[in-house]
Amino acid sequence: MSGEDWAAEASAYSGGIPNLSGGNTSGGAAGDTSDRTAMVAAQLKRIYKKAVLPVEKRFQYDYFYESPFLSDVEFDSKPQVMLVGQYSVGKTSFIRYLLGRDFPGQRIGPEPTTDRFTVLLNGPEERTIPGNALSVHPDLPFRGLERFGVSFLSRFEGSQLPSSVLKSISLVDTPGILSGEKQRTNRGYDFTKVVSWFAERADLIILLFDAHKLDISDELKGAIDALKGHEDKIRCILNKADQID
């Protein structure tokens, strides 16, 4: 397909294409990048709707794989970065460092404090968004999470704040992984399946370890197993390594 055909496909598409550069794209390198992104996204949507979606519908892919058909939102959404690790390894502190500030719903402490999945999104005002609202929002790529039940949705929330970092990506902070069987069963939902759901959609998975706590609990092992098939996305960070002689 020629460049002119790609441009025609992009211009024919009427859906919203996000401004990935976060700035004025009327000219220069930023405008070229935005134009190329729009053309690629439009072409991917066309291919999916014309060649892939009919096959998925015919063989009931959404029923057997328990995943809804892709919408334009999945193609247009920002890249997602997910952080995984045991409790108190510095996931939330890492996010705070990236953003350069606190964020709504932030919980930091030496004991398990982040007991929920938190998605950090860019927005004009600071607020938290309930999980059930995120899972049905037409402009966010979290459809399908309602299948994990009310117990999960009550432990899923969005944290919206104005941030230059979040103009380009979305961050997913996961609950601190526990070591005790009793604590794990008290979650009320299948933690590893939720991790697997986010891993399939994440563009980068950051696996954090504490240099002073390198033991791997059963739940952490299960979470790592859930990441199989996504090895190319995983980056490991050894936190507090500078404190070891």
C-alpha atoms as a PDB file:
ATOM      1  CA  MET A   1       0.000   0.000   0.000  1.00  0.00           C
ATOM      2  CA  SER A   2       1.385   3.413  -0.997  1.00  0.00           C
ATOM      3  CA  GLY A   3       1.816   6.376   1.317  1.00  0.00           C
ATOM      4  CA  GLU A   4      -1.117   8.097  -0.430  1.00  0.00           C
ATOM      5  CA  ASP A   5      -3.377   5.120   0.334  1.00  0.00           C
ATOM      6  CA  TRP A   6      -2.352   5.178   3.975  1.00  0.00           C
ATOM      7  CA  ALA A   7      -3.096   8.893   4.166  1.00  0.00           C
ATOM      8  CA  ALA A   8      -6.498   8.324   2.573  1.00  0.00           C
ATOM      9  CA  GLU A   9      -7.301   5.611   5.128  1.00  0.00           C
ATOM     10  CA  ALA A  10      -6.327   7.927   7.963  1.00  0.00           C
ATOM     11  CA  SER A  11      -8.345  10.863   6.676  1.00  0.00           C
ATOM     12  CA  ALA A  12     -11.400   8.649   6.119  1.00  0.00           C
ATOM     13  CA  TYR A  13     -11.378   7.525   9.724  1.00  0.00           C
ATOM     14  CA  SER A  14     -13.668   9.740  11.833  1.00  0.00           C
ATOM     15  CA  GLY A  15     -12.739   8.491  15.303  1.00  0.00           C
ATOM     16  CA  GLY A  16     -10.548  10.422  17.722  1.00  0.00           C
ATOM     17  CA  ILE A  17      -6.801  10.066  17.398  1.00  0.00           C
ATOM     18  CA  PRO A  18      -5.033  11.167  20.585  1.00  0.00           C
ATOM     19  CA  ASN A  19      -2.286  13.754  20.466  1.00  0.00           C
ATOM     20  CA  LEU A  20       0.548  11.480  21.544  1.00  0.00           C
ATOM     21  CA  SER A  21       3.133  14.224  21.522  1.00  0.00           C
ATOM     22  CA  GLY A  22       1.228  16.241  24.129  1.00  0.00           C
ATOM     23  CA  GLY A  23       1.838  19.482  22.261  1.00  0.00           C
ATOM     24  CA  ASN A  24       1.214  21.449  19.089  1.00  0.00           C
ATOM     25  CA  THR A  25       1.398  19.115  16.067  1.00  0.00           C
ATOM     26  CA  SER A  26       0.803  21.707  13.362  1.00  0.00           C
ATOM     27  CA  GLY A  27       4.366  21.296  12.068  1.00  0.00           C
ATOM     28  CA  GLY A  28       7.842  19.912  12.642  1.00  0.00           C
ATOM     29  CA  ALA A  29       8.902  16.507  13.954  1.00  0.00           C
ATOM     30  CA  ALA A  30       6.046  16.332  16.473  1.00  0.00           C
ATOM     31  CA  GLY A  31       3.499  16.831  13.703  1.00  0.00           C
ATOM     32  CA  ASP A  32       5.139  14.177  11.510  1.00  0.00           C
ATOM     33  CA  THR A  33       5.096  11.674  14.380  1.00  0.00           C
ATOM     34  CA  SER A  34       1.452  12.377  15.116  1.00  0.00           C
ATOM     35  CA  ASP A  35       0.530  12.010  11.444  1.00  0.00           C
ATOM     36  CA  ARG A  36       2.348   8.674  11.155  1.00  0.00           C
ATOM     37  CA  THR A  37       0.687   7.440  14.340  1.00  0.00           C
ATOM     38  CA  ALA A  38      -2.727   8.407  12.999  1.00  0.00           C
ATOM     39  CA  MET A  39      -2.103   6.609   9.711  1.00  0.00           C
ATOM     40  CA  VAL A  40      -0.872   3.422  11.389  1.00  0.00           C
ATOM     41  CA  ALA A  41      -3.777   3.403  13.859  1.00  0.00           C
ATOM     42  CA  ALA A  42      -6.330   3.946  11.094  1.00  0.00           C
ATOM     43  CA  GLN A  43      -4.862   1.154   8.979  1.00  0.00           C
ATOM     44  CA  LEU A  44      -4.743  -1.278  11.917  1.00  0.00           C
ATOM     45  CA  LYS A  45      -8.400  -0.595  12.666  1.00  0.00           C
ATOM     46  CA  ARG A  46      -9.327  -1.177   9.036  1.00  0.00           C
ATOM     47  CA  ILE A  47      -7.461  -4.495   8.911  1.00  0.00           C
ATOM     48  CA  TYR A  48      -8.972  -5.667  12.207  1.00  0.00           C
ATOM     49  CA  LYS A  49     -12.544  -4.772  11.261  1.00  0.00           C
ATOM     50  CA  LYS A  50     -12.258  -6.202   7.754  1.00  0.00           C
ATOM     51  CA  ALA A  51     -10.208  -9.379   8.291  1.00  0.00           C
ATOM     52  CA  VAL A  52     -10.014 -10.294  11.982  1.00  0.00           C
ATOM     53  CA  LEU A  53     -13.297  -9.242  13.583  1.00  0.00           C
ATOM     54  CA  PRO A  54     -15.514 -11.379  11.289  1.00  0.00           C
ATOM     55  CA  VAL A  55     -13.470 -14.480  12.213  1.00  0.00           C
ATOM     56  CA  GLU A  56     -13.694 -13.669  15.938  1.00  0.00           C
ATOM     57  CA  LYS A  57     -17.466 -13.301  15.676  1.00  0.00           C
ATOM     58  CA  ARG A  58     -17.868 -16.495  13.674  1.00  0.00           C
ATOM     59  CA  PHE A  59     -15.971 -18.608  16.192  1.00  0.00           C
ATOM     60  CA  GLN A  60     -17.269 -16.731  19.285  1.00  0.00           C
ATOM     61  CA  TYR A  61     -13.807 -15.622  20.336  1.00  0.00           C
ATOM     62  CA  ASP A  62     -15.228 -13.274  22.968  1.00  0.00           C
ATOM     63  CA  TYR A  63     -17.053 -16.166  24.667  1.00  0.00           C
ATOM     64  CA  PHE A  64     -14.320 -18.806  24.694  1.00  0.00           C
ATOM     65  CA  TYR A  65     -11.435 -16.449  25.394  1.00  0.00           C
ATOM     66  CA  GLU A  66     -13.510 -14.322  27.809  1.00  0.00           C
ATOM     67  CA  SER A  67     -12.341 -11.138  26.122  1.00  0.00           C
ATOM     68  CA  PRO A  68     -14.572  -8.591  24.349  1.00  0.00           C
ATOM     69  CA  PHE A  69     -13.980  -7.647  20.750  1.00  0.00           C
ATOM     70  CA  LEU A  70     -11.500  -4.820  20.275  1.00  0.00           C
ATOM     71  CA  SER A  71     -12.917  -1.333  19.968  1.00  0.00           C
ATOM     72  CA  ASP A  72     -11.330   1.848  18.634  1.00  0.00           C
ATOM     73  CA  VAL A  73     -10.400   2.719  22.225  1.00  0.00           C
ATOM     74  CA  GLU A  74      -7.937  -0.182  22.429  1.00  0.00           C
ATOM     75  CA  PHE A  75      -6.153   1.064  19.323  1.00  0.00           C
ATOM     76  CA  ASP A  76      -6.132   4.725  20.374  1.00  0.00           C
ATOM     77  CA  SER A  77      -5.236   4.318  24.057  1.00  0.00           C
ATOM     78  CA  LYS A  78      -1.870   5.429  25.401  1.00  0.00           C
ATOM     79  CA  PRO A  79       0.886   2.885  26.099  1.00  0.00           C
ATOM     80  CA  GLN A  80       0.489   1.246  29.512  1.00  0.00           C
ATOM     81  CA  VAL A  81       3.304   0.591  31.981  1.00  0.00           C
ATOM     82  CA  MET A  82       2.512  -1.911  34.752  1.00  0.00           C
ATOM     83  CA  LEU A  83       4.492  -2.263  37.981  1.00  0.00           C
ATOM     84  CA  VAL A  84       4.567  -5.618  39.806  1.00  0.00           C
ATOM     85  CA  GLY A  85       6.324  -6.629  43.007  1.00  0.00           C
ATOM     86  CA  GLN A  86       5.959  -7.711  46.611  1.00  0.00           C
ATOM     87  CA  TYR A  87       4.758  -5.226  49.196  1.00  0.00           C
ATOM     88  CA  SER A  88       7.096  -2.452  50.254  1.00  0.00           C
ATOM     89  CA  VAL A  89       9.517  -2.824  47.339  1.00  0.00           C
ATOM     90  CA  GLY A  90       8.959   0.769  46.226  1.00  0.00           C
ATOM     91  CA  LYS A  91       6.382   0.546  43.403  1.00  0.00           C
ATOM     92  CA  THR A  92       4.354   3.535  44.561  1.00  0.00           C
ATOM     93  CA  SER A  93       7.488   5.505  45.467  1.00  0.00           C
ATOM     94  CA  PHE A  94       8.839   4.760  41.985  1.00  0.00           C
ATOM     95  CA  ILE A  95       5.676   6.192  40.413  1.00  0.00           C
ATOM     96  CA  ARG A  96       5.845   9.224  42.689  1.00  0.00           C
ATOM     97  CA  TYR A  97       9.435   9.808  41.541  1.00  0.00           C
ATOM     98  CA  LEU A  98       8.425   9.579  37.873  1.00  0.00           C
ATOM     99  CA  LEU A  99       5.593  12.056  38.340  1.00  0.00           C
ATOM    100  CA  GLY A 100       7.610  14.329  40.610  1.00  0.00           C
ATOM    101  CA  ARG A 101       4.668  14.672  42.989  1.00  0.00           C
ATOM    102  CA  ASP A 102       2.053  12.880  45.083  1.00  0.00           C
ATOM    103  CA  PHE A 103      -1.072  11.543  43.385  1.00  0.00           C
ATOM    104  CA  PRO A 104      -4.671  10.962  44.557  1.00  0.00           C
ATOM    105  CA  GLY A 105      -5.089   7.709  46.482  1.00  0.00           C
ATOM    106  CA  GLN A 106      -1.361   7.332  47.087  1.00  0.00           C
ATOM    107  CA  ARG A 107      -0.442   4.939  49.894  1.00  0.00           C
ATOM    108  CA  ILE A 108       3.162   4.469  51.032  1.00  0.00           C
ATOM    109  CA  GLY A 109       4.393   2.579  54.087  1.00  0.00           C
ATOM    110  CA  PRO A 110       6.606  -0.277  55.368  1.00  0.00           C
ATOM    111  CA  GLU A 111       3.653  -2.681  55.576  1.00  0.00           C
ATOM    112  CA  PRO A 112       1.237  -3.682  52.767  1.00  0.00           C
ATOM    113  CA  THR A 113      -0.457  -0.376  51.879  1.00  0.00           C
ATOM    114  CA  THR A 114      -1.425  -0.547  48.192  1.00  0.00           C
ATOM    115  CA  ASP A 115      -4.271  -3.056  48.377  1.00  0.00           C
ATOM    116  CA  ARG A 116      -5.759  -2.241  45.003  1.00  0.00           C
ATOM    117  CA  PHE A 117      -4.999  -1.891  41.326  1.00  0.00           C
ATOM    118  CA  THR A 118      -4.574   1.816  40.559  1.00  0.00           C
ATOM    119  CA  VAL A 119      -4.477   3.261  37.056  1.00  0.00           C
ATOM    120  CA  LEU A 120      -2.887   6.700  36.810  1.00  0.00           C
ATOM    121  CA  LEU A 121      -4.392   8.878  34.094  1.00  0.00           C
ATOM    122  CA  ASN A 122      -3.816  12.393  32.872  1.00  0.00           C
ATOM    123  CA  GLY A 123      -6.653  14.838  33.474  1.00  0.00           C
ATOM    124  CA  PRO A 124      -7.400  18.478  34.228  1.00  0.00           C
ATOM    125  CA  GLU A 125      -8.182  17.950  37.913  1.00  0.00           C
ATOM    126  CA  GLU A 126      -7.084  15.681  40.746  1.00  0.00           C
ATOM    127  CA  ARG A 127      -9.595  12.978  41.652  1.00  0.00           C
ATOM    128  CA  THR A 128     -10.053   9.266  42.173  1.00  0.00           C
ATOM    129  CA  ILE A 129     -12.360   7.287  39.904  1.00  0.00           C
ATOM    130  CA  PRO A 130     -14.168   4.124  41.139  1.00  0.00           C
ATOM    131  CA  GLY A 131     -13.292   0.879  39.418  1.00  0.00           C
ATOM    132  CA  ASN A 132     -16.819   0.130  38.234  1.00  0.00           C
ATOM    133  CA  ALA A 133     -16.887   3.492  36.437  1.00  0.00           C
ATOM    134  CA  LEU A 134     -13.526   2.782  34.767  1.00  0.00           C
ATOM    135  CA  SER A 135     -14.657  -0.638  33.550  1.00  0.00           C
ATOM    136  CA  VAL A 136     -17.626   0.787  31.606  1.00  0.00           C
ATOM    137  CA  HIS A 137     -16.141   4.116  30.476  1.00  0.00           C
ATOM    138  CA  PRO A 138     -16.441   4.301  26.664  1.00  0.00           C
ATOM    139  CA  ASP A 139     -13.151   6.178  26.246  1.00  0.00           C
ATOM    140  CA  LEU A 140     -10.944   3.971  28.445  1.00  0.00           C
ATOM    141  CA  PRO A 141      -9.502   0.517  27.592  1.00  0.00           C
ATOM    142  CA  PHE A 142     -10.738  -1.328  30.686  1.00  0.00           C
ATOM    143  CA  ARG A 143     -13.812  -3.068  29.326  1.00  0.00           C
ATOM    144  CA  GLY A 144     -13.927  -6.697  30.387  1.00  0.00           C
ATOM    145  CA  LEU A 145     -12.615  -6.176  33.912  1.00  0.00           C
ATOM    146  CA  GLU A 146     -16.150  -6.479  35.293  1.00  0.00           C
ATOM    147  CA  ARG A 147     -15.901 -10.248  34.762  1.00  0.00           C
ATOM    148  CA  PHE A 148     -13.577 -10.429  37.777  1.00  0.00           C
ATOM    149  CA  GLY A 149     -16.482  -9.511  40.034  1.00  0.00           C
ATOM    150  CA  VAL A 150     -17.519  -6.851  42.506  1.00  0.00           C
ATOM    151  CA  SER A 151     -14.739  -7.788  44.926  1.00  0.00           C
ATOM    152  CA  PHE A 152     -12.155  -6.843  42.344  1.00  0.00           C
ATOM    153  CA  LEU A 153     -13.905  -3.681  41.136  1.00  0.00           C
ATOM    154  CA  SER A 154     -14.055  -2.444  44.730  1.00  0.00           C
ATOM    155  CA  ARG A 155     -10.246  -2.745  44.785  1.00  0.00           C
ATOM    156  CA  PHE A 156      -9.711  -1.101  41.410  1.00  0.00           C
ATOM    157  CA  GLU A 157      -9.557   2.656  41.007  1.00  0.00           C
ATOM    158  CA  GLY A 158      -8.277   5.430  38.796  1.00  0.00           C
ATOM    159  CA  SER A 159      -6.094   8.274  39.921  1.00  0.00           C
ATOM    160  CA  GLN A 160      -6.446  11.303  37.684  1.00  0.00           C
ATOM    161  CA  LEU A 161      -4.091  14.268  37.831  1.00  0.00           C
ATOM    162  CA  PRO A 162      -2.482  16.770  35.452  1.00  0.00           C
ATOM    163  CA  SER A 163       0.943  15.406  34.541  1.00  0.00           C
ATOM    164  CA  SER A 164       3.296  15.849  31.590  1.00  0.00           C
ATOM    165  CA  VAL A 165       4.370  12.198  32.008  1.00  0.00           C
ATOM    166  CA  LEU A 166       0.796  10.909  31.844  1.00  0.00           C
ATOM    167  CA  LYS A 167       0.142  12.791  28.618  1.00  0.00           C
ATOM    168  CA  SER A 168       2.113  10.061  26.852  1.00  0.00           C
ATOM    169  CA  ILE A 169       1.576   6.926  28.979  1.00  0.00           C
ATOM    170  CA  SER A 170      -0.710   5.410  31.598  1.00  0.00           C
ATOM    171  CA  LEU A 171       0.713   3.756  34.721  1.00  0.00           C
ATOM    172  CA  VAL A 172      -0.766   0.724  36.500  1.00  0.00           C
ATOM    173  CA  ASP A 173       0.194   0.291  40.159  1.00  0.00           C
ATOM    174  CA  THR A 174      -0.595  -3.215  41.396  1.00  0.00           C
ATOM    175  CA  PRO A 175      -1.249  -4.375  44.976  1.00  0.00           C
ATOM    176  CA  GLY A 176       1.774  -5.442  46.985  1.00  0.00           C
ATOM    177  CA  ILE A 177       2.158  -9.188  46.563  1.00  0.00           C
ATOM    178  CA  LEU A 178       1.649 -11.028  49.848  1.00  0.00           C
ATOM    179  CA  SER A 179       3.349 -14.056  51.348  1.00  0.00           C
ATOM    180  CA  GLY A 180       0.710 -15.468  53.693  1.00  0.00           C
ATOM    181  CA  GLU A 181      -1.965 -17.887  52.496  1.00  0.00           C
ATOM    182  CA  LYS A 182      -4.621 -16.250  54.685  1.00  0.00           C
ATOM    183  CA  GLN A 183      -3.899 -12.780  53.331  1.00  0.00           C
ATOM    184  CA  ARG A 184      -3.915 -14.066  49.779  1.00  0.00           C
ATOM    185  CA  THR A 185      -7.299 -15.783  50.038  1.00  0.00           C
ATOM    186  CA  ASN A 186      -8.784 -12.648  51.612  1.00  0.00           C
ATOM    187  CA  ARG A 187      -8.364 -10.734  48.367  1.00  0.00           C
ATOM    188  CA  GLY A 188     -11.752 -11.981  47.170  1.00  0.00           C
ATOM    189  CA  TYR A 189     -10.698 -12.260  43.505  1.00  0.00           C
ATOM    190  CA  ASP A 190      -8.181 -14.158  41.379  1.00  0.00           C
ATOM    191  CA  PHE A 191      -5.109 -11.935  41.604  1.00  0.00           C
ATOM    192  CA  THR A 192      -3.004 -13.802  39.047  1.00  0.00           C
ATOM    193  CA  LYS A 193      -5.768 -13.715  36.431  1.00  0.00           C
ATOM    194  CA  VAL A 194      -6.106  -9.957  36.836  1.00  0.00           C
ATOM    195  CA  VAL A 195      -2.324  -9.575  36.503  1.00  0.00           C
ATOM    196  CA  SER A 196      -2.486 -11.680  33.342  1.00  0.00           C
ATOM    197  CA  TRP A 197      -5.284  -9.458  31.949  1.00  0.00           C
ATOM    198  CA  PHE A 198      -3.225  -6.305  32.435  1.00  0.00           C
ATOM    199  CA  ALA A 199      -0.023  -7.997  31.192  1.00  0.00           C
ATOM    200  CA  GLU A 200      -1.656  -8.806  27.860  1.00  0.00           C
ATOM    201  CA  ARG A 201      -2.478  -5.136  27.356  1.00  0.00           C
ATOM    202  CA  ALA A 202       0.632  -3.555  28.883  1.00  0.00           C
ATOM    203  CA  ASP A 203       3.423  -2.270  26.668  1.00  0.00           C
ATOM    204  CA  LEU A 204       6.011  -2.444  29.462  1.00  0.00           C
ATOM    205  CA  ILE A 205       6.053  -4.493  32.684  1.00  0.00           C
ATOM    206  CA  ILE A 206       8.389  -3.378  35.453  1.00  0.00           C
ATOM    207  CA  LEU A 207       9.129  -6.133  37.971  1.00  0.00           C
ATOM    208  CA  LEU A 208      10.559  -4.635  41.163  1.00  0.00           C
ATOM    209  CA  PHE A 209      12.582  -6.464  43.816  1.00  0.00           C
ATOM    210  CA  ASP A 210      13.963  -5.226  47.128  1.00  0.00           C
ATOM    211  CA  ALA A 211      17.682  -5.967  47.472  1.00  0.00           C
ATOM    212  CA  HIS A 212      17.090  -6.766  51.157  1.00  0.00           C
ATOM    213  CA  LYS A 213      14.102  -9.092  50.534  1.00  0.00           C
ATOM    214  CA  LEU A 214      14.895 -11.392  47.637  1.00  0.00           C
ATOM    215  CA  ASP A 215      12.675 -14.269  48.767  1.00  0.00           C
ATOM    216  CA  ILE A 216       9.908 -15.185  46.319  1.00  0.00           C
ATOM    217  CA  SER A 217       6.526 -15.973  47.860  1.00  0.00           C
ATOM    218  CA  ASP A 218       4.018 -18.365  46.333  1.00  0.00           C
ATOM    219  CA  GLU A 219       1.853 -15.480  45.150  1.00  0.00           C
ATOM    220  CA  LEU A 220       4.816 -13.726  43.535  1.00  0.00           C
ATOM    221  CA  LYS A 221       5.729 -16.967  41.784  1.00  0.00           C
ATOM    222  CA  GLY A 222       2.146 -17.207  40.532  1.00  0.00           C
ATOM    223  CA  ALA A 223       2.255 -13.610  39.308  1.00  0.00           C
ATOM    224  CA  ILE A 224       5.554 -14.234  37.483  1.00  0.00           C
ATOM    225  CA  ASP A 225       4.031 -17.356  35.895  1.00  0.00           C
ATOM    226  CA  ALA A 226       1.121 -15.168  34.733  1.00  0.00           C
ATOM    227  CA  LEU A 227       3.640 -12.999  32.871  1.00  0.00           C
ATOM    228  CA  LYS A 228       4.864 -15.899  30.720  1.00  0.00           C
ATOM    229  CA  GLY A 229       4.639 -15.063  27.051  1.00  0.00           C
ATOM    230  CA  HIS A 230       5.373 -11.408  27.748  1.00  0.00           C
ATOM    231  CA  GLU A 231       9.085 -11.707  28.480  1.00  0.00           C
ATOM    232  CA  ASP A 232       9.933  -9.089  25.855  1.00  0.00           C
ATOM    233  CA  LYS A 233       7.964  -6.502  27.847  1.00  0.00           C
ATOM    234  CA  ILE A 234       9.554  -7.227  31.246  1.00  0.00           C
ATOM    235  CA  ARG A 235      12.280  -5.126  32.856  1.00  0.00           C
ATOM    236  CA  CYS A 236      13.561  -6.011  36.339  1.00  0.00           C
ATOM    237  CA  ILE A 237      14.594  -3.337  38.831  1.00  0.00           C
ATOM    238  CA  LEU A 238      16.555  -4.153  41.996  1.00  0.00           C
ATOM    239  CA  ASN A 239      15.543  -1.398  44.384  1.00  0.00           C
ATOM    240  CA  LYS A 240      17.923  -0.254  47.163  1.00  0.00           C
ATOM    241  CA  ALA A 241      20.851  -1.986  45.436  1.00  0.00           C
ATOM    242  CA  ASP A 242      23.053   0.992  46.329  1.00  0.00           C
ATOM    243  CA  GLN A 243      22.659   0.086  50.020  1.00  0.00           C
ATOM    244  CA  ILE A 244      24.439  -3.254  49.612  1.00  0.00           C
ATOM    245  CA  ASP A 245      28.203  -3.397  50.155  1.00  0.00           C
END
